[in-house]
């Protein structure tokens, strides 16, 4: 049994948000700190980006373990 569609959507959203916060949240990309006047402190966003990617991995792994881990009777 495959992962439910809502779980896949959540995993994709978490990964995209995490990658954005890790890579594309710095200059010259839009909506970065320098563009909106918040300075150059990106450490908090890098940590949150890593946490989001880890959360997506956990959702994928836990969903996969539930579907693959139980043998058919």
C-alpha atoms as a PDB file:
ATOM      1  CA  UNK A   1       0.000   0.000   0.000  1.00  0.00           C
ATOM      2  CA  UNK A   2       1.389   3.373  -0.997  1.00  0.00           C
ATOM      3  CA  UNK A   3       1.551   6.440   1.166  1.00  0.00           C
ATOM      4  CA  UNK A   4      -1.676   8.469   1.169  1.00  0.00           C
ATOM      5  CA  UNK A   5      -1.774  11.452  -1.162  1.00  0.00           C
ATOM      6  CA  UNK A   6      -2.059  13.961   1.689  1.00  0.00           C
ATOM      7  CA  UNK A   7       1.146  12.585   3.233  1.00  0.00           C
ATOM      8  CA  UNK A   8       2.998  12.922  -0.079  1.00  0.00           C
ATOM      9  CA  UNK A   9       1.782  16.502  -0.429  1.00  0.00           C
ATOM     10  CA  UNK A  10       2.939  17.297   3.111  1.00  0.00           C
ATOM     11  CA  UNK A  11       6.351  15.727   2.458  1.00  0.00           C
ATOM     12  CA  UNK A  12       6.807  17.743  -0.746  1.00  0.00           C
ATOM     13  CA  UNK A  13       5.770  20.990   0.964  1.00  0.00           C
ATOM     14  CA  UNK A  14       8.176  20.366   3.859  1.00  0.00           C
ATOM     15  CA  UNK A  15      11.074  19.581   1.526  1.00  0.00           C
ATOM     16  CA  UNK A  16      10.444  22.602  -0.698  1.00  0.00           C
ATOM     17  CA  UNK A  17      10.148  24.923   2.313  1.00  0.00           C
ATOM     18  CA  UNK A  18      13.288  23.439   3.855  1.00  0.00           C
ATOM     19  CA  UNK A  19      15.304  23.823   0.659  1.00  0.00           C
ATOM     20  CA  UNK A  20      14.056  27.381   0.256  1.00  0.00           C
ATOM     21  CA  UNK A  21      15.142  28.297   3.777  1.00  0.00           C
ATOM     22  CA  UNK A  22      18.536  26.613   3.338  1.00  0.00           C
ATOM     23  CA  UNK A  23      19.482  27.767  -0.155  1.00  0.00           C
ATOM     24  CA  UNK A  24      17.169  30.316  -1.728  1.00  0.00           C
ATOM     25  CA  UNK A  25      16.553  32.530   1.310  1.00  0.00           C
ATOM     26  CA  UNK A  26      19.792  34.435   0.721  1.00  0.00           C
ATOM     27  CA  UNK A  27      20.604  37.182  -1.739  1.00  0.00           C
ATOM     28  CA  UNK A  28      19.981  37.534  -4.712  1.00  0.00           C
ATOM     29  CA  UNK A  29      16.771  35.479  -4.457  1.00  0.00           C
ATOM     30  CA  UNK A  30      13.438  37.232  -3.772  1.00  0.00           C
ATOM     31  CA  UNK A  31      12.096  37.569  -0.209  1.00  0.00           C
ATOM     32  CA  UNK A  32      15.541  37.321   1.363  1.00  0.00           C
ATOM     33  CA  UNK A  33      16.633  39.178   4.495  1.00  0.00           C
ATOM     34  CA  UNK A  34      18.618  41.832   2.692  1.00  0.00           C
ATOM     35  CA  UNK A  35      15.713  42.613   0.341  1.00  0.00           C
ATOM     36  CA  UNK A  36      13.233  43.275   3.153  1.00  0.00           C
ATOM     37  CA  UNK A  37      15.669  44.913   5.583  1.00  0.00           C
ATOM     38  CA  UNK A  38      16.177  42.232   8.250  1.00  0.00           C
ATOM     39  CA  UNK A  39      19.956  42.025   8.057  1.00  0.00           C
ATOM     40  CA  UNK A  40      22.115  39.002   7.330  1.00  0.00           C
ATOM     41  CA  UNK A  41      21.190  36.622  10.175  1.00  0.00           C
ATOM     42  CA  UNK A  42      20.344  33.383   8.398  1.00  0.00           C
ATOM     43  CA  UNK A  43      21.262  30.873  11.111  1.00  0.00           C
ATOM     44  CA  UNK A  44      17.715  30.521  12.453  1.00  0.00           C
ATOM     45  CA  UNK A  45      16.343  29.910   8.972  1.00  0.00           C
ATOM     46  CA  UNK A  46      19.056  27.373   8.219  1.00  0.00           C
ATOM     47  CA  UNK A  47      18.171  25.470  11.395  1.00  0.00           C
ATOM     48  CA  UNK A  48      14.454  25.587  10.577  1.00  0.00           C
ATOM     49  CA  UNK A  49      15.199  24.437   7.014  1.00  0.00           C
ATOM     50  CA  UNK A  50      17.136  21.440   8.309  1.00  0.00           C
ATOM     51  CA  UNK A  51      14.346  20.617  10.770  1.00  0.00           C
ATOM     52  CA  UNK A  52      11.751  20.739   7.971  1.00  0.00           C
ATOM     53  CA  UNK A  53      13.774  18.394   5.766  1.00  0.00           C
ATOM     54  CA  UNK A  54      14.338  16.001   8.683  1.00  0.00           C
ATOM     55  CA  UNK A  55      10.593  16.093   9.454  1.00  0.00           C
ATOM     56  CA  UNK A  56       9.814  15.232   5.822  1.00  0.00           C
ATOM     57  CA  UNK A  57      12.271  12.347   5.981  1.00  0.00           C
ATOM     58  CA  UNK A  58      10.682  11.108   9.190  1.00  0.00           C
ATOM     59  CA  UNK A  59       7.192  11.233   7.652  1.00  0.00           C
ATOM     60  CA  UNK A  60       8.393   9.349   4.596  1.00  0.00           C
ATOM     61  CA  UNK A  61      10.294   6.751   6.633  1.00  0.00           C
ATOM     62  CA  UNK A  62       7.507   6.188   9.155  1.00  0.00           C
ATOM     63  CA  UNK A  63       4.895   5.852   6.409  1.00  0.00           C
ATOM     64  CA  UNK A  64       7.098   3.485   4.455  1.00  0.00           C
ATOM     65  CA  UNK A  65       7.827   1.400   7.544  1.00  0.00           C
ATOM     66  CA  UNK A  66       4.101   0.994   8.257  1.00  0.00           C
ATOM     67  CA  UNK A  67       3.319  -0.137   4.719  1.00  0.00           C
ATOM     68  CA  UNK A  68       6.378  -2.322   4.119  1.00  0.00           C
ATOM     69  CA  UNK A  69       6.984  -3.615   7.639  1.00  0.00           C
ATOM     70  CA  UNK A  70       3.876  -5.781   8.023  1.00  0.00           C
ATOM     71  CA  UNK A  71       3.964  -9.049   6.067  1.00  0.00           C
ATOM     72  CA  UNK A  72       0.822 -10.290   4.402  1.00  0.00           C
ATOM     73  CA  UNK A  73      -1.020 -13.085   6.175  1.00  0.00           C
END
